Every structure is written in C-alpha cells, then in structure tokens.
Amino acid sequence: MKQKCYQGMKFRPYIDNARIHARIAELAKVITADFADKKPLFVCVLNGAAPFAVDLFRACEDIDAELTFIRLKSYEGTGSTGVVKQVMGLGENLENRHVILVEDIIDTGNTMVKLLSQLRALNPASISIATLLFKPEALQHLELKPDFVGFEIPKKFIIGYGLDIDGLARNLNDIYILDEE
C-alpha cells in the first residue's frame, strides 16, 4: 500500500483489504449465529456501505437473507453537513422483519439516529446495526450502540473501500487515513 493524494490532501495506508475481509468473516459468523432462523433483511446505506454490505452479505451464506438499499447523504468534502437527506428510499415492507442496517461508518451518529427513527415507524421485528467503522470519540448520540463493529477508529478522516472524498476514492481496496503531518 502506498500513499494516495486527493484534492491536495495526502492519505496514508490504514487498514489493508486482507484485514478488512478477515474482520468481515468474523462478523459474518456472529451474524449467522444470531440470525440463523430469522431470514434477516440487510439494508445497505448507499453509497459508502456498498462494498462492505455486499461482502458481509455474501459471507453470511449459511443463512437465508435478503439485501436491499437505501441512499442517504450528509457529507460534503471531509465533514458532515449536519443535514441528513434521503435520496433513495426503501421499497420493501419491514413489518415483522429482522433488519440489519449496514453502514460504512458511524461518527456523529446523526445519520443513523434519523434512519432508525424512520425505520422503527415501519414496525420491524428487530433492527440491528452493522458498521465497518465506528468513531466512538465523535459520537454525539450516546444511546446509539452498533451491534456489529468492524473496527473502532480515531476521529480522523478516512477514504477507501467505499468511503469517499466528494465521490472519489470509493474504489480503493484498502482504507486510508488523512495524513496530517
């Protein structure tokens, strides 16, 4: 892994793809055990969570499950706007379904709190949260507790493996962190 540059900023390697996939396999074992007879609906929060959601979904091959997508937007550049916009909604009926929300990253928690409120109104049997990355230092909603966490990371800006900077870098196989030195 070598350093990457985007928009005049330098990013250094942080979590390589082999480590990401090893952690996904561990999460999939737990999810498979927890949802063995429940036929969960994985709800991928686009765009960033797409690589993680697809890899996690496929790693849960020993359970019957479905995958769907919802699109929200709250970031511009390297920071959250504080406003969560729903760009593409769900078409599935969630009533009495076991839902696993799949997110790329939880930092402030604003997006997830808004989404949870909307989904609870649809009367699912349960809602669990799977996030590849979690920034506990940035969390503004202390009641928010992700159920399945890939990696806890510091309050730094990262890119790659679905995470972007203004739409770029999502296609990187590894995760990179902003080099502030």
C-alpha atoms as a PDB file:
ATOM      1  CA  MET A   1       0.000   0.000   0.000  1.00  0.00           C
ATOM      2  CA  LYS A   2       1.322   3.404  -0.871  1.00  0.00           C
ATOM      3  CA  GLN A   3       0.218   6.931  -0.063  1.00  0.00           C
ATOM      4  CA  LYS A   4      -2.698   8.428  -2.053  1.00  0.00           C
ATOM      5  CA  CYS A   5      -3.452  12.070  -2.840  1.00  0.00           C
ATOM      6  CA  TYR A   6      -6.897  13.599  -3.343  1.00  0.00           C
ATOM      7  CA  GLN A   7      -7.807  17.260  -3.591  1.00  0.00           C
ATOM      8  CA  GLY A   8      -4.373  18.342  -2.370  1.00  0.00           C
ATOM      9  CA  MET A   9      -4.537  16.117   0.710  1.00  0.00           C
ATOM     10  CA  LYS A  10      -2.315  13.136   1.434  1.00  0.00           C
ATOM     11  CA  PHE A  11      -3.702   9.865   2.776  1.00  0.00           C
ATOM     12  CA  ARG A  12      -1.575   7.095   4.235  1.00  0.00           C
ATOM     13  CA  PRO A  13      -2.429   3.385   4.372  1.00  0.00           C
ATOM     14  CA  TYR A  14      -4.502   2.483   7.416  1.00  0.00           C
ATOM     15  CA  ILE A  15      -6.380  -0.866   7.116  1.00  0.00           C
ATOM     16  CA  ASP A  16      -5.490  -3.253   4.302  1.00  0.00           C
ATOM     17  CA  ASN A  17      -8.006  -5.322   2.373  1.00  0.00           C
ATOM     18  CA  ALA A  18      -6.898  -8.647   3.866  1.00  0.00           C
ATOM     19  CA  ARG A  19      -7.558  -7.327   7.373  1.00  0.00           C
ATOM     20  CA  ILE A  20     -10.942  -5.930   6.280  1.00  0.00           C
ATOM     21  CA  HIS A  21     -12.013  -9.288   4.861  1.00  0.00           C
ATOM     22  CA  ALA A  22     -10.760 -11.211   7.895  1.00  0.00           C
ATOM     23  CA  ARG A  23     -12.883  -8.970  10.120  1.00  0.00           C
ATOM     24  CA  ILE A  24     -15.915  -9.336   7.837  1.00  0.00           C
ATOM     25  CA  ALA A  25     -15.598 -13.134   8.135  1.00  0.00           C
ATOM     26  CA  GLU A  26     -15.614 -12.801  11.944  1.00  0.00           C
ATOM     27  CA  LEU A  27     -18.693 -10.539  11.876  1.00  0.00           C
ATOM     28  CA  ALA A  28     -20.475 -12.915   9.489  1.00  0.00           C
ATOM     29  CA  LYS A  29     -20.007 -15.831  11.915  1.00  0.00           C
ATOM     30  CA  VAL A  30     -21.681 -13.858  14.704  1.00  0.00           C
ATOM     31  CA  ILE A  31     -24.496 -12.599  12.457  1.00  0.00           C
ATOM     32  CA  THR A  32     -25.077 -16.106  11.085  1.00  0.00           C
ATOM     33  CA  ALA A  33     -25.402 -17.478  14.629  1.00  0.00           C
ATOM     34  CA  ASP A  34     -27.645 -14.613  15.791  1.00  0.00           C
ATOM     35  CA  PHE A  35     -29.978 -14.727  12.774  1.00  0.00           C
ATOM     36  CA  ALA A  36     -29.933 -18.449  11.911  1.00  0.00           C
ATOM     37  CA  ASP A  37     -33.731 -18.847  11.734  1.00  0.00           C
ATOM     38  CA  LYS A  38     -34.787 -15.232  11.193  1.00  0.00           C
ATOM     39  CA  LYS A  39     -34.288 -14.538   7.453  1.00  0.00           C
ATOM     40  CA  PRO A  40     -32.882 -11.029   8.010  1.00  0.00           C
ATOM     41  CA  LEU A  41     -33.136  -8.167   5.573  1.00  0.00           C
ATOM     42  CA  PHE A  42     -29.779  -6.447   5.148  1.00  0.00           C
ATOM     43  CA  VAL A  43     -30.377  -2.752   4.405  1.00  0.00           C
ATOM     44  CA  CYS A  44     -27.284  -1.198   2.849  1.00  0.00           C
ATOM     45  CA  VAL A  45     -26.899   2.550   3.315  1.00  0.00           C
ATOM     46  CA  LEU A  46     -25.559   3.778  -0.026  1.00  0.00           C
ATOM     47  CA  ASN A  47     -23.197   4.813  -1.396  1.00  0.00           C
ATOM     48  CA  GLY A  48     -20.360   4.190   1.030  1.00  0.00           C
ATOM     49  CA  ALA A  49     -21.501   0.933   2.591  1.00  0.00           C
ATOM     50  CA  ALA A  50     -21.915  -0.917  -0.731  1.00  0.00           C
ATOM     51  CA  PRO A  51     -18.587  -2.816  -0.713  1.00  0.00           C
ATOM     52  CA  PHE A  52     -18.940  -3.737   2.975  1.00  0.00           C
ATOM     53  CA  ALA A  53     -22.618  -4.682   2.664  1.00  0.00           C
ATOM     54  CA  VAL A  54     -22.089  -6.933  -0.338  1.00  0.00           C
ATOM     55  CA  ASP A  55     -19.042  -8.640   1.186  1.00  0.00           C
ATOM     56  CA  LEU A  56     -20.794  -9.080   4.552  1.00  0.00           C
ATOM     57  CA  PHE A  57     -23.992 -10.362   2.897  1.00  0.00           C
ATOM     58  CA  ARG A  58     -22.058 -12.940   0.857  1.00  0.00           C
ATOM     59  CA  ALA A  59     -20.075 -14.008   3.935  1.00  0.00           C
ATOM     60  CA  CYS A  60     -23.410 -14.830   5.637  1.00  0.00           C
ATOM     61  CA  GLU A  61     -24.078 -17.545   3.061  1.00  0.00           C
ATOM     62  CA  ASP A  62     -25.239 -20.087   5.639  1.00  0.00           C
ATOM     63  CA  ILE A  63     -28.470 -18.204   6.433  1.00  0.00           C
ATOM     64  CA  ASP A  64     -31.449 -17.229   4.330  1.00  0.00           C
ATOM     65  CA  ALA A  65     -31.267 -13.463   3.933  1.00  0.00           C
ATOM     66  CA  GLU A  66     -32.178 -10.635   1.585  1.00  0.00           C
ATOM     67  CA  LEU A  67     -30.349  -7.459   0.611  1.00  0.00           C
ATOM     68  CA  THR A  68     -31.807  -4.062  -0.244  1.00  0.00           C
ATOM     69  CA  PHE A  69     -30.553  -0.493  -0.460  1.00  0.00           C
ATOM     70  CA  ILE A  70     -31.353   2.967   0.845  1.00  0.00           C
ATOM     71  CA  ARG A  71     -29.453   6.115  -0.038  1.00  0.00           C
ATOM     72  CA  LEU A  72     -28.770   8.957   2.374  1.00  0.00           C
ATOM     73  CA  LYS A  73     -26.455  11.923   2.110  1.00  0.00           C
ATOM     74  CA  SER A  74     -24.947  14.020   4.884  1.00  0.00           C
ATOM     75  CA  TYR A  75     -21.311  14.638   3.899  1.00  0.00           C
ATOM     76  CA  GLU A  76     -19.621  17.249   1.755  1.00  0.00           C
ATOM     77  CA  GLY A  77     -15.848  17.262   1.459  1.00  0.00           C
ATOM     78  CA  THR A  78     -14.300  15.965   4.678  1.00  0.00           C
ATOM     79  CA  GLY A  79     -17.136  16.787   7.073  1.00  0.00           C
ATOM     80  CA  SER A  80     -20.766  16.209   7.868  1.00  0.00           C
ATOM     81  CA  THR A  81     -23.206  18.934   6.862  1.00  0.00           C
ATOM     82  CA  GLY A  82     -25.385  18.083   9.859  1.00  0.00           C
ATOM     83  CA  VAL A  83     -28.318  17.595   7.486  1.00  0.00           C
ATOM     84  CA  VAL A  84     -29.347  14.070   6.503  1.00  0.00           C
ATOM     85  CA  LYS A  85     -31.110  13.807   3.155  1.00  0.00           C
ATOM     86  CA  GLN A  86     -32.859  10.658   1.936  1.00  0.00           C
ATOM     87  CA  VAL A  87     -32.055  10.340  -1.745  1.00  0.00           C
ATOM     88  CA  MET A  88     -33.468   6.838  -2.370  1.00  0.00           C
ATOM     89  CA  GLY A  89     -35.970   5.088  -0.090  1.00  0.00           C
ATOM     90  CA  LEU A  90     -36.910   1.505   0.637  1.00  0.00           C
ATOM     91  CA  GLY A  91     -39.425  -0.424  -1.394  1.00  0.00           C
ATOM     92  CA  GLU A  92     -39.689  -3.415   0.977  1.00  0.00           C
ATOM     93  CA  ASN A  93     -42.260  -3.916   3.703  1.00  0.00           C
ATOM     94  CA  LEU A  94     -40.326  -4.058   7.010  1.00  0.00           C
ATOM     95  CA  GLU A  95     -43.216  -5.077   9.245  1.00  0.00           C
ATOM     96  CA  ASN A  96     -42.186  -8.018  11.453  1.00  0.00           C
ATOM     97  CA  ARG A  97     -38.849  -8.339   9.585  1.00  0.00           C
ATOM     98  CA  HIS A  98     -35.449  -8.617  11.260  1.00  0.00           C
ATOM     99  CA  VAL A  99     -33.471  -5.737   9.789  1.00  0.00           C
ATOM    100  CA  ILE A 100     -29.699  -5.388   9.761  1.00  0.00           C
ATOM    101  CA  LEU A 101     -28.708  -1.831   8.819  1.00  0.00           C
ATOM    102  CA  VAL A 102     -25.322  -1.910   7.122  1.00  0.00           C
ATOM    103  CA  GLU A 103     -23.329   1.323   7.300  1.00  0.00           C
ATOM    104  CA  ASP A 104     -19.795   2.148   6.230  1.00  0.00           C
ATOM    105  CA  ILE A 105     -19.037   4.427   9.184  1.00  0.00           C
ATOM    106  CA  ILE A 106     -20.706   5.839  12.268  1.00  0.00           C
ATOM    107  CA  ASP A 107     -19.129   9.001  13.577  1.00  0.00           C
ATOM    108  CA  THR A 108     -21.535  11.651  14.951  1.00  0.00           C
ATOM    109  CA  GLY A 109     -24.421   9.179  14.715  1.00  0.00           C
ATOM    110  CA  ASN A 110     -26.784  11.797  13.222  1.00  0.00           C
ATOM    111  CA  THR A 111     -27.493   9.785  10.085  1.00  0.00           C
ATOM    112  CA  MET A 112     -28.117   6.550  11.965  1.00  0.00           C
ATOM    113  CA  VAL A 113     -30.401   8.170  14.581  1.00  0.00           C
ATOM    114  CA  LYS A 114     -32.569   9.694  11.854  1.00  0.00           C
ATOM    115  CA  LEU A 115     -32.687   6.456   9.882  1.00  0.00           C
ATOM    116  CA  LEU A 116     -33.517   4.360  12.968  1.00  0.00           C
ATOM    117  CA  SER A 117     -36.421   6.653  13.772  1.00  0.00           C
ATOM    118  CA  GLN A 118     -37.811   6.296  10.255  1.00  0.00           C
ATOM    119  CA  LEU A 119     -37.400   2.507  10.198  1.00  0.00           C
ATOM    120  CA  ARG A 120     -38.884   1.902  13.665  1.00  0.00           C
ATOM    121  CA  ALA A 121     -42.083   3.542  12.413  1.00  0.00           C
ATOM    122  CA  LEU A 122     -42.357   0.672   9.901  1.00  0.00           C
ATOM    123  CA  ASN A 123     -42.705  -1.910  12.745  1.00  0.00           C
ATOM    124  CA  PRO A 124     -39.815  -4.291  12.105  1.00  0.00           C
ATOM    125  CA  ALA A 125     -39.396  -7.259  14.471  1.00  0.00           C
ATOM    126  CA  SER A 126     -35.875  -6.015  15.252  1.00  0.00           C
ATOM    127  CA  ILE A 127     -33.232  -3.605  13.996  1.00  0.00           C
ATOM    128  CA  SER A 128     -29.522  -4.299  14.351  1.00  0.00           C
ATOM    129  CA  ILE A 129     -26.662  -2.108  13.154  1.00  0.00           C
ATOM    130  CA  ALA A 130     -23.552  -3.409  11.401  1.00  0.00           C
ATOM    131  CA  THR A 131     -20.896  -0.809  10.690  1.00  0.00           C
ATOM    132  CA  LEU A 132     -17.483  -1.320   9.176  1.00  0.00           C
ATOM    133  CA  LEU A 133     -16.030   1.637  11.063  1.00  0.00           C
ATOM    134  CA  PHE A 134     -17.014   3.335  14.324  1.00  0.00           C
ATOM    135  CA  LYS A 135     -15.621   6.579  15.762  1.00  0.00           C
ATOM    136  CA  PRO A 136     -16.664   6.492  19.444  1.00  0.00           C
ATOM    137  CA  GLU A 137     -14.911   9.847  20.121  1.00  0.00           C
ATOM    138  CA  ALA A 138     -17.102  11.596  17.538  1.00  0.00           C
ATOM    139  CA  LEU A 139     -20.422  10.074  18.656  1.00  0.00           C
ATOM    140  CA  GLN A 140     -22.991  12.706  19.648  1.00  0.00           C
ATOM    141  CA  HIS A 141     -25.763  10.213  20.459  1.00  0.00           C
ATOM    142  CA  LEU A 142     -24.534   8.131  23.365  1.00  0.00           C
ATOM    143  CA  GLU A 143     -27.669   5.965  23.259  1.00  0.00           C
ATOM    144  CA  LEU A 144     -26.557   4.681  19.847  1.00  0.00           C
ATOM    145  CA  LYS A 145     -24.779   1.345  20.152  1.00  0.00           C
ATOM    146  CA  PRO A 146     -23.860  -0.509  16.956  1.00  0.00           C
ATOM    147  CA  ASP A 147     -24.373  -4.265  17.289  1.00  0.00           C
ATOM    148  CA  PHE A 148     -21.631  -5.375  14.902  1.00  0.00           C
ATOM    149  CA  VAL A 149     -18.487  -3.232  14.541  1.00  0.00           C
ATOM    150  CA  GLY A 150     -15.653  -3.950  12.150  1.00  0.00           C
ATOM    151  CA  PHE A 151     -13.113  -1.511  13.546  1.00  0.00           C
ATOM    152  CA  GLU A 152     -13.127   1.297  16.098  1.00  0.00           C
ATOM    153  CA  ILE A 153     -11.067   4.166  14.717  1.00  0.00           C
ATOM    154  CA  PRO A 154      -9.968   7.618  15.896  1.00  0.00           C
ATOM    155  CA  LYS A 155     -11.758  10.835  14.962  1.00  0.00           C
ATOM    156  CA  LYS A 156      -9.857  11.219  11.676  1.00  0.00           C
ATOM    157  CA  PHE A 157     -10.980  11.445   8.057  1.00  0.00           C
ATOM    158  CA  ILE A 158     -10.624   8.250   6.056  1.00  0.00           C
ATOM    159  CA  ILE A 159     -11.203   7.089   2.477  1.00  0.00           C
ATOM    160  CA  GLY A 160     -11.288   3.852   0.505  1.00  0.00           C
ATOM    161  CA  TYR A 161     -13.313   0.644   0.480  1.00  0.00           C
ATOM    162  CA  GLY A 162     -16.493   2.618  -0.194  1.00  0.00           C
ATOM    163  CA  LEU A 163     -15.615   5.764   1.769  1.00  0.00           C
ATOM    164  CA  ASP A 164     -15.085   8.833  -0.343  1.00  0.00           C
ATOM    165  CA  ILE A 165     -13.985  12.403  -0.573  1.00  0.00           C
ATOM    166  CA  ASP A 166     -16.538  14.166  -2.762  1.00  0.00           C
ATOM    167  CA  GLY A 167     -17.270  10.951  -4.641  1.00  0.00           C
ATOM    168  CA  LEU A 168     -13.641   9.934  -5.206  1.00  0.00           C
ATOM    169  CA  ALA A 169     -11.620   7.075  -3.658  1.00  0.00           C
ATOM    170  CA  ARG A 170     -14.560   4.708  -3.081  1.00  0.00           C
ATOM    171  CA  ASN A 171     -12.909   2.227  -5.442  1.00  0.00           C
ATOM    172  CA  LEU A 172      -9.753   1.796  -3.359  1.00  0.00           C
ATOM    173  CA  ASN A 173      -9.449  -1.740  -1.980  1.00  0.00           C
ATOM    174  CA  ASP A 174      -7.853  -0.594   1.260  1.00  0.00           C
ATOM    175  CA  ILE A 175      -8.725   2.119   3.799  1.00  0.00           C
ATOM    176  CA  TYR A 176      -6.547   5.214   4.038  1.00  0.00           C
ATOM    177  CA  ILE A 177      -6.379   7.882   6.741  1.00  0.00           C
ATOM    178  CA  LEU A 178      -5.698  11.590   6.261  1.00  0.00           C
ATOM    179  CA  ASP A 179      -2.021  12.254   6.865  1.00  0.00           C
ATOM    180  CA  GLU A 180      -1.936  15.437   8.921  1.00  0.00           C
ATOM    181  CA  GLU A 181       1.827  15.541   9.337  1.00  0.00           C
END
